[in-house]
N, C-alpha and C. Protein backbone atom coordinates (compact mmCIF):
# COMPACT_ATOMS: atom_id res chain seq x y z
N MET A 1 0.87 -1.20 0.00
CA MET A 1 0.00 0.00 0.00
C MET A 1 0.89 1.21 0.00
N THR A 2 0.61 2.07 -0.91
CA THR A 2 1.40 3.29 -1.03
C THR A 2 0.83 4.37 -0.15
N GLU A 3 1.57 5.49 0.01
CA GLU A 3 1.13 6.60 0.86
C GLU A 3 -0.05 7.33 0.26
N SER A 4 -0.24 7.28 -1.08
CA SER A 4 -1.34 8.01 -1.70
C SER A 4 -2.67 7.33 -1.49
N GLU A 5 -2.68 5.97 -1.26
CA GLU A 5 -3.94 5.27 -1.09
C GLU A 5 -4.47 5.51 0.30
N PRO A 6 -5.81 5.75 0.48
CA PRO A 6 -6.38 5.98 1.83
C PRO A 6 -6.45 4.70 2.62
N LYS A 7 -6.40 4.82 3.90
CA LYS A 7 -6.46 3.67 4.79
C LYS A 7 -7.89 3.19 4.89
N PRO A 8 -8.10 1.87 4.89
CA PRO A 8 -9.47 1.37 5.01
C PRO A 8 -10.03 1.64 6.38
N PRO A 9 -11.34 1.92 6.47
CA PRO A 9 -11.94 2.22 7.79
C PRO A 9 -11.94 0.99 8.66
N THR A 10 -11.72 1.21 9.90
CA THR A 10 -11.70 0.11 10.87
C THR A 10 -13.04 0.04 11.56
N SER A 11 -13.45 -1.17 11.89
CA SER A 11 -14.74 -1.38 12.53
C SER A 11 -14.70 -1.18 14.02
N GLU A 12 -13.51 -1.12 14.58
CA GLU A 12 -13.39 -0.96 16.02
C GLU A 12 -13.57 0.51 16.39
N THR A 13 -14.44 0.79 17.30
CA THR A 13 -14.69 2.16 17.81
C THR A 13 -14.43 2.16 19.29
N PRO A 14 -13.89 3.26 19.82
CA PRO A 14 -13.60 3.30 21.27
C PRO A 14 -14.89 3.23 22.06
N ALA A 15 -14.87 2.35 23.04
CA ALA A 15 -16.04 2.17 23.90
C ALA A 15 -16.22 3.37 24.80
N ALA A 16 -17.47 3.80 24.95
CA ALA A 16 -17.76 4.94 25.83
C ALA A 16 -17.59 4.51 27.27
N PRO A 17 -17.03 5.36 28.11
CA PRO A 17 -16.86 4.99 29.53
C PRO A 17 -18.20 4.84 30.20
N GLU A 18 -18.24 3.96 31.21
CA GLU A 18 -19.47 3.70 31.93
C GLU A 18 -19.93 4.90 32.74
N ALA A 19 -18.97 5.72 33.13
CA ALA A 19 -19.34 6.90 33.94
C ALA A 19 -20.19 7.87 33.16
N GLN A 20 -19.93 7.92 31.80
CA GLN A 20 -20.72 8.84 30.98
C GLN A 20 -22.08 8.28 30.66
N SER A 21 -22.19 6.94 30.56
CA SER A 21 -23.48 6.35 30.21
C SER A 21 -24.47 6.43 31.36
N GLU A 22 -23.98 6.33 32.57
CA GLU A 22 -24.86 6.38 33.72
C GLU A 22 -24.85 7.78 34.32
N LYS A 23 -26.03 8.31 34.56
CA LYS A 23 -26.14 9.64 35.16
C LYS A 23 -25.88 9.54 36.64
N ALA A 24 -25.08 10.49 37.12
CA ALA A 24 -24.76 10.49 38.55
C ALA A 24 -26.00 10.86 39.34
N ALA A 25 -26.22 10.13 40.43
CA ALA A 25 -27.38 10.39 41.28
C ALA A 25 -27.21 11.73 41.98
N PRO A 26 -28.26 12.56 42.03
CA PRO A 26 -28.14 13.89 42.70
C PRO A 26 -27.87 13.71 44.19
N THR A 27 -26.92 14.51 44.68
CA THR A 27 -26.57 14.45 46.10
C THR A 27 -27.55 15.28 46.89
N PRO A 28 -28.04 14.78 47.98
CA PRO A 28 -29.01 15.55 48.79
C PRO A 28 -28.36 16.77 49.40
N PRO A 29 -29.08 17.87 49.52
CA PRO A 29 -28.51 19.09 50.12
C PRO A 29 -28.19 18.85 51.58
N PRO A 30 -27.15 19.53 52.07
CA PRO A 30 -26.78 19.33 53.48
C PRO A 30 -27.88 19.81 54.40
N ALA A 31 -28.07 19.03 55.41
CA ALA A 31 -29.11 19.36 56.39
C ALA A 31 -28.72 20.59 57.18
N THR A 32 -29.62 21.52 57.28
CA THR A 32 -29.36 22.75 58.03
C THR A 32 -29.94 22.62 59.43
N GLU A 33 -29.19 23.14 60.37
CA GLU A 33 -29.62 23.09 61.76
C GLU A 33 -30.61 24.22 62.02
N LYS A 34 -31.68 23.87 62.64
CA LYS A 34 -32.67 24.87 63.02
C LYS A 34 -32.25 25.53 64.31
N ARG A 35 -31.95 26.82 64.20
CA ARG A 35 -31.52 27.55 65.38
C ARG A 35 -32.72 28.16 66.08
N ARG A 36 -32.67 28.06 67.36
CA ARG A 36 -33.74 28.66 68.14
C ARG A 36 -33.58 30.16 68.17
N PRO A 37 -34.65 30.90 68.04
CA PRO A 37 -34.53 32.38 68.08
C PRO A 37 -34.01 32.83 69.42
N GLN A 38 -33.07 33.77 69.37
CA GLN A 38 -32.48 34.28 70.60
C GLN A 38 -33.48 35.15 71.33
N ALA A 39 -33.44 35.03 72.61
CA ALA A 39 -34.36 35.82 73.43
C ALA A 39 -33.97 37.28 73.39
N ALA A 40 -34.94 38.13 73.48
CA ALA A 40 -34.68 39.57 73.46
C ALA A 40 -33.93 39.99 74.71
N ASN A 41 -33.08 40.97 74.54
CA ASN A 41 -32.30 41.47 75.66
C ASN A 41 -33.20 42.18 76.65
N ARG A 42 -33.23 41.65 77.86
CA ARG A 42 -34.06 42.24 78.90
C ARG A 42 -33.22 42.96 79.96
N GLY A 43 -32.04 43.34 79.56
CA GLY A 43 -31.15 43.95 80.55
C GLY A 43 -31.49 45.37 80.89
N GLY A 44 -32.47 45.97 80.19
CA GLY A 44 -32.88 47.34 80.55
C GLY A 44 -32.05 48.41 79.89
N GLY A 45 -31.04 48.00 79.05
CA GLY A 45 -30.24 49.03 78.41
C GLY A 45 -31.04 49.82 77.40
N GLY A 46 -31.84 49.05 76.62
CA GLY A 46 -32.79 49.73 75.75
C GLY A 46 -32.19 50.36 74.53
N GLY A 47 -31.01 49.93 74.08
CA GLY A 47 -30.46 50.47 72.83
C GLY A 47 -29.75 51.77 73.03
N GLY A 48 -29.04 52.18 71.98
CA GLY A 48 -28.23 53.39 72.07
C GLY A 48 -29.04 54.63 71.80
N ARG A 49 -28.45 55.75 72.06
CA ARG A 49 -29.10 57.04 71.86
C ARG A 49 -28.75 57.55 70.48
N GLY A 50 -29.76 57.83 69.70
CA GLY A 50 -29.53 58.32 68.35
C GLY A 50 -29.18 59.79 68.35
N ARG A 51 -28.64 60.20 67.21
CA ARG A 51 -28.26 61.59 67.08
C ARG A 51 -29.48 62.51 67.06
N GLY A 52 -30.54 62.03 66.39
CA GLY A 52 -31.75 62.85 66.35
C GLY A 52 -31.49 64.15 65.61
N PRO A 53 -32.21 65.17 65.91
CA PRO A 53 -31.98 66.46 65.28
C PRO A 53 -30.68 67.06 65.73
N ARG A 54 -30.20 68.00 64.91
CA ARG A 54 -28.91 68.60 65.23
C ARG A 54 -28.93 69.41 66.51
N GLN A 55 -30.12 69.80 66.96
CA GLN A 55 -30.20 70.61 68.17
C GLN A 55 -30.16 69.75 69.43
N GLN A 56 -30.07 68.43 69.29
CA GLN A 56 -30.05 67.59 70.48
C GLN A 56 -28.72 67.73 71.20
N SER A 57 -28.75 67.77 72.51
CA SER A 57 -27.56 67.99 73.31
C SER A 57 -26.86 66.66 73.59
N ASP A 58 -25.54 66.65 73.41
CA ASP A 58 -24.71 65.51 73.74
C ASP A 58 -23.73 65.93 74.82
N GLN A 59 -23.48 65.03 75.78
CA GLN A 59 -22.62 65.33 76.91
C GLN A 59 -21.39 64.44 76.83
N ASP A 60 -20.20 65.04 76.93
CA ASP A 60 -18.98 64.27 76.83
C ASP A 60 -18.52 63.85 78.21
N ASP A 61 -17.30 63.26 78.25
CA ASP A 61 -16.79 62.75 79.51
C ASP A 61 -16.39 63.86 80.47
N LYS A 62 -16.23 65.08 80.00
CA LYS A 62 -15.86 66.20 80.88
C LYS A 62 -17.07 66.89 81.49
N GLY A 63 -18.26 66.40 81.20
CA GLY A 63 -19.46 67.01 81.74
C GLY A 63 -19.94 68.21 80.98
N LEU A 64 -19.44 68.42 79.77
CA LEU A 64 -19.85 69.57 78.95
C LEU A 64 -20.90 69.12 77.94
N GLY A 65 -21.98 69.88 77.86
CA GLY A 65 -23.01 69.60 76.87
C GLY A 65 -22.70 70.30 75.57
N GLU A 66 -23.07 69.68 74.47
CA GLU A 66 -22.78 70.21 73.13
C GLU A 66 -24.04 70.19 72.29
N VAL A 67 -24.31 71.30 71.62
CA VAL A 67 -25.46 71.40 70.71
C VAL A 67 -24.98 71.99 69.40
N VAL A 68 -25.22 71.27 68.31
CA VAL A 68 -24.92 71.77 66.97
C VAL A 68 -26.16 72.51 66.47
N VAL A 69 -26.12 73.82 66.47
CA VAL A 69 -27.29 74.63 66.14
C VAL A 69 -27.52 74.69 64.63
N LYS A 70 -26.46 74.86 63.88
CA LYS A 70 -26.62 75.08 62.44
C LYS A 70 -25.41 74.52 61.70
N ILE A 71 -25.66 73.86 60.57
CA ILE A 71 -24.61 73.40 59.67
C ILE A 71 -24.89 74.01 58.30
N GLY A 72 -23.99 74.85 57.85
CA GLY A 72 -24.15 75.52 56.57
C GLY A 72 -23.17 74.99 55.54
N ARG A 73 -23.56 75.04 54.29
CA ARG A 73 -22.70 74.59 53.19
C ARG A 73 -22.35 75.75 52.28
N CYS A 74 -21.09 75.85 51.95
CA CYS A 74 -20.61 76.92 51.07
C CYS A 74 -19.91 76.27 49.88
N SER A 75 -20.14 76.80 48.68
CA SER A 75 -19.53 76.25 47.47
C SER A 75 -18.78 77.34 46.74
N THR A 76 -17.65 76.95 46.16
CA THR A 76 -16.87 77.85 45.32
C THR A 76 -16.64 77.19 43.97
N VAL A 77 -16.73 77.96 42.90
CA VAL A 77 -16.59 77.45 41.55
C VAL A 77 -15.12 77.49 41.15
N VAL A 78 -14.59 76.33 40.81
CA VAL A 78 -13.20 76.21 40.37
C VAL A 78 -13.20 75.68 38.94
N LYS A 79 -12.01 75.42 38.42
CA LYS A 79 -11.89 74.99 37.03
C LYS A 79 -12.54 73.62 36.81
N GLY A 80 -12.43 72.73 37.77
CA GLY A 80 -12.98 71.39 37.62
C GLY A 80 -14.43 71.26 38.03
N GLY A 81 -15.03 72.30 38.52
CA GLY A 81 -16.42 72.24 38.95
C GLY A 81 -16.64 73.06 40.20
N ARG A 82 -17.36 72.48 41.15
CA ARG A 82 -17.64 73.15 42.42
C ARG A 82 -16.93 72.45 43.56
N ARG A 83 -16.46 73.24 44.48
CA ARG A 83 -15.80 72.71 45.67
C ARG A 83 -16.61 73.16 46.89
N PHE A 84 -17.03 72.18 47.70
CA PHE A 84 -17.92 72.45 48.82
C PHE A 84 -17.12 72.45 50.13
N SER A 85 -17.58 73.28 51.04
CA SER A 85 -17.05 73.31 52.41
C SER A 85 -18.23 73.51 53.36
N PHE A 86 -18.03 73.16 54.61
CA PHE A 86 -19.11 73.19 55.59
C PHE A 86 -18.70 74.02 56.80
N GLY A 87 -19.70 74.66 57.40
CA GLY A 87 -19.49 75.43 58.62
C GLY A 87 -20.49 75.00 59.67
N ALA A 88 -20.02 74.80 60.90
CA ALA A 88 -20.86 74.31 61.99
C ALA A 88 -20.85 75.30 63.13
N LEU A 89 -22.06 75.70 63.55
CA LEU A 89 -22.22 76.58 64.71
C LEU A 89 -22.53 75.71 65.93
N VAL A 90 -21.63 75.71 66.89
CA VAL A 90 -21.71 74.80 68.04
C VAL A 90 -21.77 75.62 69.32
N VAL A 91 -22.61 75.18 70.25
CA VAL A 91 -22.71 75.79 71.58
C VAL A 91 -22.31 74.74 72.60
N VAL A 92 -21.43 75.12 73.52
CA VAL A 92 -20.92 74.22 74.56
C VAL A 92 -21.14 74.87 75.92
N GLY A 93 -21.59 74.10 76.89
CA GLY A 93 -21.80 74.61 78.25
C GLY A 93 -21.84 73.48 79.25
N ASP A 94 -21.65 73.83 80.52
CA ASP A 94 -21.68 72.83 81.59
C ASP A 94 -23.00 72.82 82.35
N LYS A 95 -23.97 73.67 81.94
CA LYS A 95 -25.28 73.78 82.58
C LYS A 95 -25.17 74.19 84.05
N LYS A 96 -24.06 74.83 84.41
CA LYS A 96 -23.85 75.30 85.77
C LYS A 96 -23.37 76.74 85.80
N GLY A 97 -23.60 77.48 84.70
CA GLY A 97 -23.22 78.88 84.69
C GLY A 97 -22.10 79.22 83.74
N GLN A 98 -21.68 78.31 82.87
CA GLN A 98 -20.63 78.59 81.90
C GLN A 98 -21.11 78.14 80.52
N VAL A 99 -20.89 78.99 79.52
CA VAL A 99 -21.34 78.69 78.17
C VAL A 99 -20.40 79.36 77.17
N GLY A 100 -20.28 78.77 76.01
CA GLY A 100 -19.44 79.33 74.95
C GLY A 100 -19.97 78.92 73.59
N ILE A 101 -19.69 79.72 72.57
CA ILE A 101 -20.13 79.43 71.22
C ILE A 101 -18.91 79.43 70.31
N GLY A 102 -18.98 78.61 69.26
CA GLY A 102 -17.88 78.51 68.32
C GLY A 102 -18.39 78.18 66.93
N TYR A 103 -17.65 78.62 65.92
CA TYR A 103 -18.01 78.37 64.53
C TYR A 103 -16.78 77.78 63.84
N GLY A 104 -16.91 76.50 63.44
CA GLY A 104 -15.80 75.82 62.79
C GLY A 104 -16.11 75.53 61.33
N LYS A 105 -15.08 75.60 60.47
CA LYS A 105 -15.24 75.37 59.04
C LYS A 105 -14.25 74.30 58.58
N SER A 106 -14.71 73.44 57.67
CA SER A 106 -13.87 72.39 57.12
C SER A 106 -14.54 71.84 55.87
N VAL A 107 -13.81 70.96 55.17
CA VAL A 107 -14.35 70.34 53.96
C VAL A 107 -15.26 69.17 54.30
N GLU A 108 -15.29 68.73 55.56
CA GLU A 108 -16.16 67.64 56.00
C GLU A 108 -16.94 68.09 57.23
N VAL A 109 -18.15 67.54 57.37
CA VAL A 109 -19.01 67.95 58.47
C VAL A 109 -18.45 67.54 59.83
N PRO A 110 -17.99 66.30 60.04
CA PRO A 110 -17.48 65.93 61.38
C PRO A 110 -16.31 66.79 61.84
N SER A 111 -15.38 67.09 60.93
CA SER A 111 -14.25 67.92 61.33
C SER A 111 -14.69 69.36 61.60
N ALA A 112 -15.69 69.85 60.87
CA ALA A 112 -16.20 71.20 61.15
C ALA A 112 -16.85 71.27 62.52
N ILE A 113 -17.60 70.23 62.90
CA ILE A 113 -18.21 70.20 64.23
C ILE A 113 -17.14 70.13 65.30
N GLU A 114 -16.11 69.33 65.07
CA GLU A 114 -15.04 69.21 66.07
C GLU A 114 -14.30 70.54 66.26
N LYS A 115 -14.06 71.24 65.16
CA LYS A 115 -13.40 72.55 65.27
C LYS A 115 -14.29 73.54 66.03
N GLY A 116 -15.58 73.55 65.69
CA GLY A 116 -16.49 74.46 66.40
C GLY A 116 -16.56 74.14 67.88
N LYS A 117 -16.51 72.87 68.24
CA LYS A 117 -16.56 72.49 69.65
C LYS A 117 -15.31 72.95 70.38
N LYS A 118 -14.15 72.82 69.76
CA LYS A 118 -12.91 73.27 70.39
C LYS A 118 -12.91 74.77 70.59
N ILE A 119 -13.38 75.52 69.58
CA ILE A 119 -13.43 76.98 69.71
C ILE A 119 -14.41 77.39 70.81
N ALA A 120 -15.58 76.72 70.87
CA ALA A 120 -16.56 77.05 71.89
C ALA A 120 -16.06 76.70 73.29
N THR A 121 -15.32 75.60 73.42
CA THR A 121 -14.79 75.22 74.73
C THR A 121 -13.77 76.23 75.23
N ARG A 122 -12.93 76.72 74.33
CA ARG A 122 -11.95 77.74 74.74
C ARG A 122 -12.60 79.08 75.04
N ALA A 123 -13.78 79.34 74.46
CA ALA A 123 -14.45 80.64 74.65
C ALA A 123 -15.50 80.60 75.74
N MET A 124 -15.52 79.57 76.57
CA MET A 124 -16.53 79.49 77.63
C MET A 124 -16.36 80.62 78.63
N THR A 125 -17.50 81.25 78.98
CA THR A 125 -17.50 82.41 79.87
C THR A 125 -18.53 82.20 80.95
N PRO A 126 -18.23 82.57 82.21
CA PRO A 126 -19.23 82.43 83.29
C PRO A 126 -20.39 83.40 83.11
N VAL A 127 -21.58 82.95 83.50
CA VAL A 127 -22.81 83.74 83.40
C VAL A 127 -23.36 83.94 84.80
N LYS A 128 -23.80 85.18 85.10
CA LYS A 128 -24.40 85.50 86.39
C LYS A 128 -25.86 85.06 86.40
N LEU A 129 -26.18 84.06 87.20
CA LEU A 129 -27.54 83.54 87.31
C LEU A 129 -28.08 83.77 88.71
N HIS A 130 -29.39 83.75 88.81
CA HIS A 130 -30.07 83.86 90.09
C HIS A 130 -30.95 82.63 90.26
N GLY A 131 -30.37 81.61 90.86
CA GLY A 131 -31.08 80.33 90.95
C GLY A 131 -31.17 79.69 89.59
N GLY A 132 -32.40 79.41 89.13
CA GLY A 132 -32.59 78.83 87.82
C GLY A 132 -33.00 79.82 86.76
N THR A 133 -32.90 81.11 87.04
CA THR A 133 -33.27 82.14 86.07
C THR A 133 -32.21 83.23 86.06
N ILE A 134 -32.48 84.32 85.35
CA ILE A 134 -31.54 85.43 85.28
C ILE A 134 -31.92 86.48 86.32
N PRO A 135 -30.98 87.30 86.78
CA PRO A 135 -31.30 88.24 87.86
C PRO A 135 -32.16 89.41 87.42
N HIS A 136 -32.16 89.81 86.17
CA HIS A 136 -32.93 90.98 85.75
C HIS A 136 -33.20 90.89 84.24
N ARG A 137 -34.04 91.78 83.78
CA ARG A 137 -34.37 91.84 82.35
C ARG A 137 -33.17 92.37 81.57
N VAL A 138 -32.96 91.80 80.39
CA VAL A 138 -31.81 92.20 79.59
C VAL A 138 -32.17 92.04 78.12
N VAL A 139 -31.53 92.86 77.28
CA VAL A 139 -31.74 92.82 75.83
C VAL A 139 -30.38 92.59 75.16
N GLY A 140 -30.28 91.50 74.40
CA GLY A 140 -29.06 91.19 73.66
C GLY A 140 -29.22 91.51 72.19
N ARG A 141 -28.16 92.06 71.59
CA ARG A 141 -28.22 92.46 70.19
C ARG A 141 -26.98 91.96 69.46
N TYR A 142 -27.22 91.55 68.23
CA TYR A 142 -26.12 91.21 67.33
C TYR A 142 -26.63 91.34 65.90
N GLY A 143 -25.99 92.23 65.13
CA GLY A 143 -26.42 92.44 63.76
C GLY A 143 -27.84 92.99 63.72
N ALA A 144 -28.69 92.33 62.95
CA ALA A 144 -30.09 92.75 62.83
C ALA A 144 -31.00 91.98 63.76
N SER A 145 -30.43 91.21 64.70
CA SER A 145 -31.24 90.41 65.62
C SER A 145 -31.23 91.04 67.01
N GLU A 146 -32.34 90.88 67.70
CA GLU A 146 -32.49 91.40 69.07
C GLU A 146 -33.29 90.39 69.88
N VAL A 147 -32.76 90.03 71.04
CA VAL A 147 -33.39 89.03 71.90
C VAL A 147 -33.65 89.66 73.26
N VAL A 148 -34.90 89.66 73.69
CA VAL A 148 -35.29 90.18 74.99
C VAL A 148 -35.49 89.00 75.94
N MET A 149 -34.82 89.05 77.09
CA MET A 149 -34.90 87.98 78.08
C MET A 149 -35.42 88.54 79.40
N VAL A 150 -36.43 87.89 79.94
CA VAL A 150 -37.09 88.34 81.17
C VAL A 150 -37.07 87.19 82.17
N PRO A 151 -36.69 87.44 83.42
CA PRO A 151 -36.70 86.36 84.42
C PRO A 151 -38.12 85.86 84.68
N ALA A 152 -38.23 84.58 85.03
CA ALA A 152 -39.54 83.96 85.27
C ALA A 152 -39.50 83.17 86.57
N SER A 153 -40.68 82.88 87.10
CA SER A 153 -40.80 82.14 88.35
C SER A 153 -40.50 80.66 88.13
N PRO A 154 -40.15 79.93 89.19
CA PRO A 154 -39.85 78.50 89.04
C PRO A 154 -41.04 77.74 88.48
N GLY A 155 -40.75 76.82 87.58
CA GLY A 155 -41.78 76.03 86.93
C GLY A 155 -42.22 76.55 85.59
N THR A 156 -41.76 77.73 85.20
CA THR A 156 -42.15 78.30 83.91
C THR A 156 -41.51 77.55 82.76
N GLY A 157 -40.25 77.20 82.90
CA GLY A 157 -39.52 76.56 81.82
C GLY A 157 -38.83 77.58 80.93
N VAL A 158 -38.16 77.08 79.92
CA VAL A 158 -37.45 77.94 78.97
C VAL A 158 -38.38 78.20 77.79
N ILE A 159 -38.95 79.39 77.76
CA ILE A 159 -39.84 79.79 76.67
C ILE A 159 -38.99 80.51 75.63
N ALA A 160 -38.52 79.77 74.65
CA ALA A 160 -37.61 80.34 73.66
C ALA A 160 -37.61 79.47 72.42
N GLY A 161 -37.06 80.01 71.34
CA GLY A 161 -36.91 79.26 70.10
C GLY A 161 -35.74 78.29 70.18
N THR A 162 -35.49 77.60 69.08
CA THR A 162 -34.47 76.55 69.07
C THR A 162 -33.07 77.11 69.31
N SER A 163 -32.71 78.17 68.59
CA SER A 163 -31.36 78.72 68.70
C SER A 163 -31.13 79.35 70.06
N VAL A 164 -32.09 80.13 70.55
CA VAL A 164 -31.96 80.78 71.85
C VAL A 164 -31.99 79.75 72.97
N ARG A 165 -32.81 78.73 72.83
CA ARG A 165 -32.93 77.70 73.86
C ARG A 165 -31.61 76.95 74.05
N ALA A 166 -30.89 76.71 72.96
CA ALA A 166 -29.63 75.97 73.06
C ALA A 166 -28.64 76.70 73.98
N VAL A 167 -28.54 78.02 73.84
CA VAL A 167 -27.61 78.78 74.67
C VAL A 167 -28.07 78.84 76.12
N LEU A 168 -29.37 79.07 76.33
CA LEU A 168 -29.88 79.24 77.69
C LEU A 168 -29.80 77.93 78.48
N GLU A 169 -30.18 76.82 77.87
CA GLU A 169 -30.16 75.55 78.60
C GLU A 169 -28.74 75.11 78.94
N LEU A 170 -27.80 75.31 78.03
CA LEU A 170 -26.41 74.94 78.33
C LEU A 170 -25.77 75.89 79.32
N ALA A 171 -26.33 77.10 79.46
CA ALA A 171 -25.82 78.02 80.47
C ALA A 171 -26.35 77.69 81.86
N GLY A 172 -27.41 76.88 81.95
CA GLY A 172 -27.96 76.51 83.25
C GLY A 172 -29.25 77.22 83.60
N VAL A 173 -29.90 77.87 82.62
CA VAL A 173 -31.16 78.58 82.86
C VAL A 173 -32.31 77.59 82.71
N HIS A 174 -33.20 77.56 83.70
CA HIS A 174 -34.34 76.65 83.69
C HIS A 174 -35.69 77.37 83.52
N ASP A 175 -35.76 78.64 83.92
CA ASP A 175 -37.02 79.38 83.86
C ASP A 175 -36.73 80.77 83.29
N ILE A 176 -37.30 81.06 82.12
CA ILE A 176 -37.05 82.35 81.50
C ILE A 176 -38.08 82.57 80.39
N LEU A 177 -38.37 83.86 80.13
CA LEU A 177 -39.24 84.26 79.03
C LEU A 177 -38.40 85.04 78.02
N THR A 178 -38.52 84.72 76.74
CA THR A 178 -37.72 85.39 75.71
C THR A 178 -38.61 85.79 74.54
N LYS A 179 -38.13 86.79 73.82
CA LYS A 179 -38.80 87.24 72.60
C LYS A 179 -37.73 87.79 71.66
N SER A 180 -37.75 87.35 70.41
CA SER A 180 -36.75 87.79 69.44
C SER A 180 -37.38 88.73 68.42
N TYR A 181 -36.60 89.69 67.95
CA TYR A 181 -37.04 90.67 66.96
C TYR A 181 -35.98 90.75 65.86
N GLY A 182 -36.44 91.14 64.68
CA GLY A 182 -35.51 91.33 63.58
C GLY A 182 -35.18 90.02 62.88
N SER A 183 -33.93 89.88 62.52
CA SER A 183 -33.48 88.71 61.76
C SER A 183 -33.56 87.45 62.61
N ASN A 184 -34.03 86.35 62.01
CA ASN A 184 -34.12 85.08 62.72
C ASN A 184 -33.04 84.10 62.29
N THR A 185 -31.92 84.62 61.79
CA THR A 185 -30.80 83.76 61.43
C THR A 185 -30.23 83.10 62.68
N PRO A 186 -30.03 81.78 62.68
CA PRO A 186 -29.53 81.12 63.90
C PRO A 186 -28.22 81.70 64.42
N LYS A 187 -27.32 82.05 63.52
CA LYS A 187 -26.04 82.60 63.97
C LYS A 187 -26.24 83.92 64.70
N ASN A 188 -27.10 84.79 64.19
CA ASN A 188 -27.34 86.07 64.85
C ASN A 188 -28.07 85.88 66.18
N LEU A 189 -29.05 84.98 66.22
CA LEU A 189 -29.80 84.77 67.45
C LEU A 189 -28.91 84.20 68.56
N VAL A 190 -28.05 83.27 68.20
CA VAL A 190 -27.15 82.68 69.21
C VAL A 190 -26.21 83.74 69.77
N ARG A 191 -25.65 84.55 68.91
CA ARG A 191 -24.72 85.58 69.39
C ARG A 191 -25.45 86.69 70.14
N ALA A 192 -26.68 87.00 69.75
CA ALA A 192 -27.44 88.00 70.49
C ALA A 192 -27.79 87.49 71.89
N THR A 193 -28.14 86.21 71.99
CA THR A 193 -28.42 85.63 73.31
C THR A 193 -27.16 85.64 74.17
N PHE A 194 -26.04 85.28 73.59
CA PHE A 194 -24.78 85.31 74.33
C PHE A 194 -24.42 86.72 74.78
N ASP A 195 -24.70 87.70 73.92
CA ASP A 195 -24.43 89.10 74.29
C ASP A 195 -25.31 89.52 75.47
N GLY A 196 -26.58 89.08 75.48
CA GLY A 196 -27.44 89.43 76.60
C GLY A 196 -26.99 88.79 77.90
N LEU A 197 -26.54 87.53 77.84
CA LEU A 197 -26.07 86.87 79.05
C LEU A 197 -24.81 87.53 79.61
N MET A 198 -23.99 88.08 78.72
CA MET A 198 -22.78 88.74 79.20
C MET A 198 -23.07 90.07 79.88
N GLN A 199 -24.28 90.63 79.67
CA GLN A 199 -24.64 91.90 80.31
C GLN A 199 -25.21 91.71 81.71
N LEU A 200 -25.46 90.50 82.13
CA LEU A 200 -26.07 90.27 83.43
C LEU A 200 -25.10 90.62 84.56
N VAL A 201 -25.67 91.23 85.59
CA VAL A 201 -24.90 91.56 86.79
C VAL A 201 -25.70 91.07 88.00
N SER A 202 -25.00 90.63 88.99
CA SER A 202 -25.67 90.12 90.19
C SER A 202 -25.92 91.26 91.18
N ARG A 203 -26.63 90.96 92.22
CA ARG A 203 -26.94 91.94 93.27
C ARG A 203 -25.67 92.38 93.98
N GLU A 204 -24.78 91.45 94.21
CA GLU A 204 -23.53 91.79 94.88
C GLU A 204 -22.67 92.73 94.04
N ASP A 205 -22.68 92.53 92.71
CA ASP A 205 -21.91 93.40 91.84
C ASP A 205 -22.44 94.84 91.88
N VAL A 206 -23.75 95.00 91.90
CA VAL A 206 -24.35 96.33 91.95
C VAL A 206 -24.00 97.02 93.27
N GLU A 207 -24.08 96.29 94.37
CA GLU A 207 -23.73 96.89 95.67
C GLU A 207 -22.26 97.29 95.73
N ARG A 208 -21.40 96.49 95.14
CA ARG A 208 -19.98 96.81 95.17
C ARG A 208 -19.65 98.01 94.29
N LEU A 209 -20.30 98.08 93.12
CA LEU A 209 -20.02 99.18 92.21
C LEU A 209 -20.57 100.51 92.72
N ARG A 210 -21.73 100.49 93.33
CA ARG A 210 -22.34 101.73 93.84
C ARG A 210 -21.91 102.08 95.24
N GLY A 211 -21.38 101.13 95.96
CA GLY A 211 -20.97 101.38 97.33
C GLY A 211 -22.14 101.53 98.28
N VAL A 212 -23.25 100.85 98.01
CA VAL A 212 -24.44 100.94 98.84
C VAL A 212 -24.91 99.52 99.14
N THR A 213 -25.88 99.47 100.06
CA THR A 213 -26.51 98.20 100.39
C THR A 213 -27.96 98.27 99.96
N LEU A 214 -28.33 97.40 99.06
CA LEU A 214 -29.69 97.40 98.51
C LEU A 214 -30.62 96.68 99.49
N SER A 215 -31.81 97.21 99.62
CA SER A 215 -32.81 96.58 100.48
C SER A 215 -33.38 95.35 99.80
N ALA A 216 -33.87 94.43 100.56
CA ALA A 216 -34.43 93.20 100.00
C ALA A 216 -35.71 93.49 99.25
């Protein structure tokens, strides 16, 4: 037989393996263990405290209360688009006669709040109080805002708006009547309230300055 002639076909064909002819039996899924539902925690902890609104007061390990009154966003137009930054108005006080306000700015909200808290802590100033209220009527002004504060009897509570309430409660005031006029911008109202608290004088201060003894 020469190389040009084709080879005759052979009758022998490779036998198919038995593994391919028989279908493998399906394996049953693994049995899952039924877990009993865990009992609810009855320890009385009751879950964590949420952030809630920004005006909610948080107290740190030093006993200082913190209230984020306002978070503002500022944008500047650059070549690649807009660049945003944030400013946080924070009020810090110990609720025992000391309060401070601070305004921090950063490209992120948490760092802006932290900066505002540090500035407010360094700016804390003592406030002259008479029990749970203020010793006399006072008017605080800042910009186009004006806040009138009048002392009130025990049990009245803090009758004030959100921005003014944050400063008064952290200063330790429990009973007071307030009324705001003019601009209602939170930044102006907070600073006007702080200005009014700085004008307070006690009975002892008046007697010392005038050199007299006031009658009861």
